[in-house]
C-alpha atoms as a PDB file:
ATOM      1  CA  UNK A   1     -29.754  43.978  24.783  1.00  0.00           C
ATOM      2  CA  UNK A   2     -32.207  43.239  21.741  1.00  0.00           C
ATOM      3  CA  UNK A   3     -33.004  39.825  20.260  1.00  0.00           C
ATOM      4  CA  UNK A   4     -31.683  40.960  17.296  1.00  0.00           C
ATOM      5  CA  UNK A   5     -28.443  42.155  18.965  1.00  0.00           C
ATOM      6  CA  UNK A   6     -28.570  38.711  20.982  1.00  0.00           C
ATOM      7  CA  UNK A   7     -28.884  36.685  17.596  1.00  0.00           C
ATOM      8  CA  UNK A   8     -26.027  38.784  15.284  1.00  0.00           C
ATOM      9  CA  UNK A   9     -23.669  38.133  18.571  1.00  0.00           C
ATOM     10  CA  UNK A  10     -24.129  34.346  17.980  1.00  0.00           C
ATOM     11  CA  UNK A  11     -23.907  34.529  15.008  1.00  0.00           C
ATOM     12  CA  UNK A  12     -20.529  36.472  14.704  1.00  0.00           C
ATOM     13  CA  UNK A  13     -19.151  33.874  17.938  1.00  0.00           C
ATOM     14  CA  UNK A  14     -20.276  31.033  15.330  1.00  0.00           C
ATOM     15  CA  UNK A  15     -18.054  32.648  12.712  1.00  0.00           C
ATOM     16  CA  UNK A  16     -14.995  33.051  14.934  1.00  0.00           C
ATOM     17  CA  UNK A  17     -15.367  29.534  16.539  1.00  0.00           C
ATOM     18  CA  UNK A  18     -15.458  27.849  13.117  1.00  0.00           C
ATOM     19  CA  UNK A  19     -13.209  30.597  11.651  1.00  0.00           C
ATOM     20  CA  UNK A  20     -15.339  31.180   8.421  1.00  0.00           C
ATOM     21  CA  UNK A  21     -16.847  34.032   6.396  1.00  0.00           C
ATOM     22  CA  UNK A  22     -20.255  35.148   5.908  1.00  0.00           C
ATOM     23  CA  UNK A  23     -19.831  34.114   2.356  1.00  0.00           C
ATOM     24  CA  UNK A  24     -18.774  30.758   3.622  1.00  0.00           C
ATOM     25  CA  UNK A  25     -21.494  30.336   6.025  1.00  0.00           C
ATOM     26  CA  UNK A  26     -23.948  31.321   3.241  1.00  0.00           C
ATOM     27  CA  UNK A  27     -22.426  28.602   1.011  1.00  0.00           C
ATOM     28  CA  UNK A  28     -22.754  25.943   4.129  1.00  0.00           C
ATOM     29  CA  UNK A  29     -26.528  27.014   5.058  1.00  0.00           C
ATOM     30  CA  UNK A  30     -27.777  28.425   1.639  1.00  0.00           C
ATOM     31  CA  UNK A  31     -28.904  31.171   3.545  1.00  0.00           C
ATOM     32  CA  UNK A  32     -28.311  34.512   1.252  1.00  0.00           C
ATOM     33  CA  UNK A  33     -25.067  36.158   2.256  1.00  0.00           C
ATOM     34  CA  UNK A  34     -27.111  39.277   1.850  1.00  0.00           C
ATOM     35  CA  UNK A  35     -29.670  37.814   4.916  1.00  0.00           C
ATOM     36  CA  UNK A  36     -26.697  36.697   6.956  1.00  0.00           C
ATOM     37  CA  UNK A  37     -25.229  40.117   6.637  1.00  0.00           C
ATOM     38  CA  UNK A  38     -28.496  41.935   7.211  1.00  0.00           C
ATOM     39  CA  UNK A  39     -28.476  40.295  10.638  1.00  0.00           C
ATOM     40  CA  UNK A  40     -25.100  40.635  11.616  1.00  0.00           C
ATOM     41  CA  UNK A  41     -25.253  44.324  10.984  1.00  0.00           C
ATOM     42  CA  UNK A  42     -28.375  44.736  12.831  1.00  0.00           C
ATOM     43  CA  UNK A  43     -30.068  46.045   9.745  1.00  0.00           C
ATOM     44  CA  UNK A  44     -33.887  44.214  10.510  1.00  0.00           C
ATOM     45  CA  UNK A  45     -35.875  43.976  13.021  1.00  0.00           C
ATOM     46  CA  UNK A  46     -37.091  40.372  13.172  1.00  0.00           C
ATOM     47  CA  UNK A  47     -35.814  37.293  12.044  1.00  0.00           C
ATOM     48  CA  UNK A  48     -37.568  33.780  11.064  1.00  0.00           C
ATOM     49  CA  UNK A  49     -36.965  30.894  13.145  1.00  0.00           C
ATOM     50  CA  UNK A  50     -36.816  29.210   9.969  1.00  0.00           C
ATOM     51  CA  UNK A  51     -33.661  31.567   8.875  1.00  0.00           C
ATOM     52  CA  UNK A  52     -31.937  30.452  12.124  1.00  0.00           C
ATOM     53  CA  UNK A  53     -32.622  26.765  11.646  1.00  0.00           C
ATOM     54  CA  UNK A  54     -31.266  26.875   8.040  1.00  0.00           C
ATOM     55  CA  UNK A  55     -28.035  28.266   9.881  1.00  0.00           C
ATOM     56  CA  UNK A  56     -27.838  25.951  11.963  1.00  0.00           C
ATOM     57  CA  UNK A  57     -28.682  22.677  10.067  1.00  0.00           C
ATOM     58  CA  UNK A  58     -25.707  23.975   7.693  1.00  0.00           C
ATOM     59  CA  UNK A  59     -23.499  24.423   9.985  1.00  0.00           C
ATOM     60  CA  UNK A  60     -24.167  21.054  12.042  1.00  0.00           C
ATOM     61  CA  UNK A  61     -25.551  23.007  15.101  1.00  0.00           C
ATOM     62  CA  UNK A  62     -28.598  22.201  17.613  1.00  0.00           C
ATOM     63  CA  UNK A  63     -31.297  24.876  17.794  1.00  0.00           C
ATOM     64  CA  UNK A  64     -30.902  23.856  21.233  1.00  0.00           C
ATOM     65  CA  UNK A  65     -27.271  24.239  21.166  1.00  0.00           C
ATOM     66  CA  UNK A  66     -27.657  27.243  19.243  1.00  0.00           C
ATOM     67  CA  UNK A  67     -29.897  29.311  22.195  1.00  0.00           C
ATOM     68  CA  UNK A  68     -27.925  27.652  24.869  1.00  0.00           C
ATOM     69  CA  UNK A  69     -26.134  31.063  25.541  1.00  0.00           C
ATOM     70  CA  UNK A  70     -25.731  33.685  28.018  1.00  0.00           C
ATOM     71  CA  UNK A  71     -26.627  36.649  25.557  1.00  0.00           C
ATOM     72  CA  UNK A  72     -30.412  34.570  25.073  1.00  0.00           C
ATOM     73  CA  UNK A  73     -30.903  34.939  29.373  1.00  0.00           C
ATOM     74  CA  UNK A  74     -33.648  36.819  30.141  1.00  0.00           C
ATOM     75  CA  UNK A  75     -32.084  39.148  32.046  1.00  0.00           C
ATOM     76  CA  UNK A  76     -29.938  40.143  29.218  1.00  0.00           C
ATOM     77  CA  UNK A  77     -32.776  40.752  26.206  1.00  0.00           C
ATOM     78  CA  UNK A  78     -35.186  43.841  26.391  1.00  0.00           C
ATOM     79  CA  UNK A  79     -37.567  43.349  23.781  1.00  0.00           C
END
């Protein structure tokens, strides 16, 4: 799995856990809905850490908590 896939997977998981839409995530975090959509649809090769920070901050999640997921383990990533 590529890193972008892991981030997209985590965002989808957070959306389900918090029962929110991409639009609601955008409103809460200040990150444009188009950016969130691009990440979730895996239409970008890179993501700024500041974008992930903004998402986490707006949703009340620590960066450590965001990355503390099996999808981010080295053996699950190939890039």
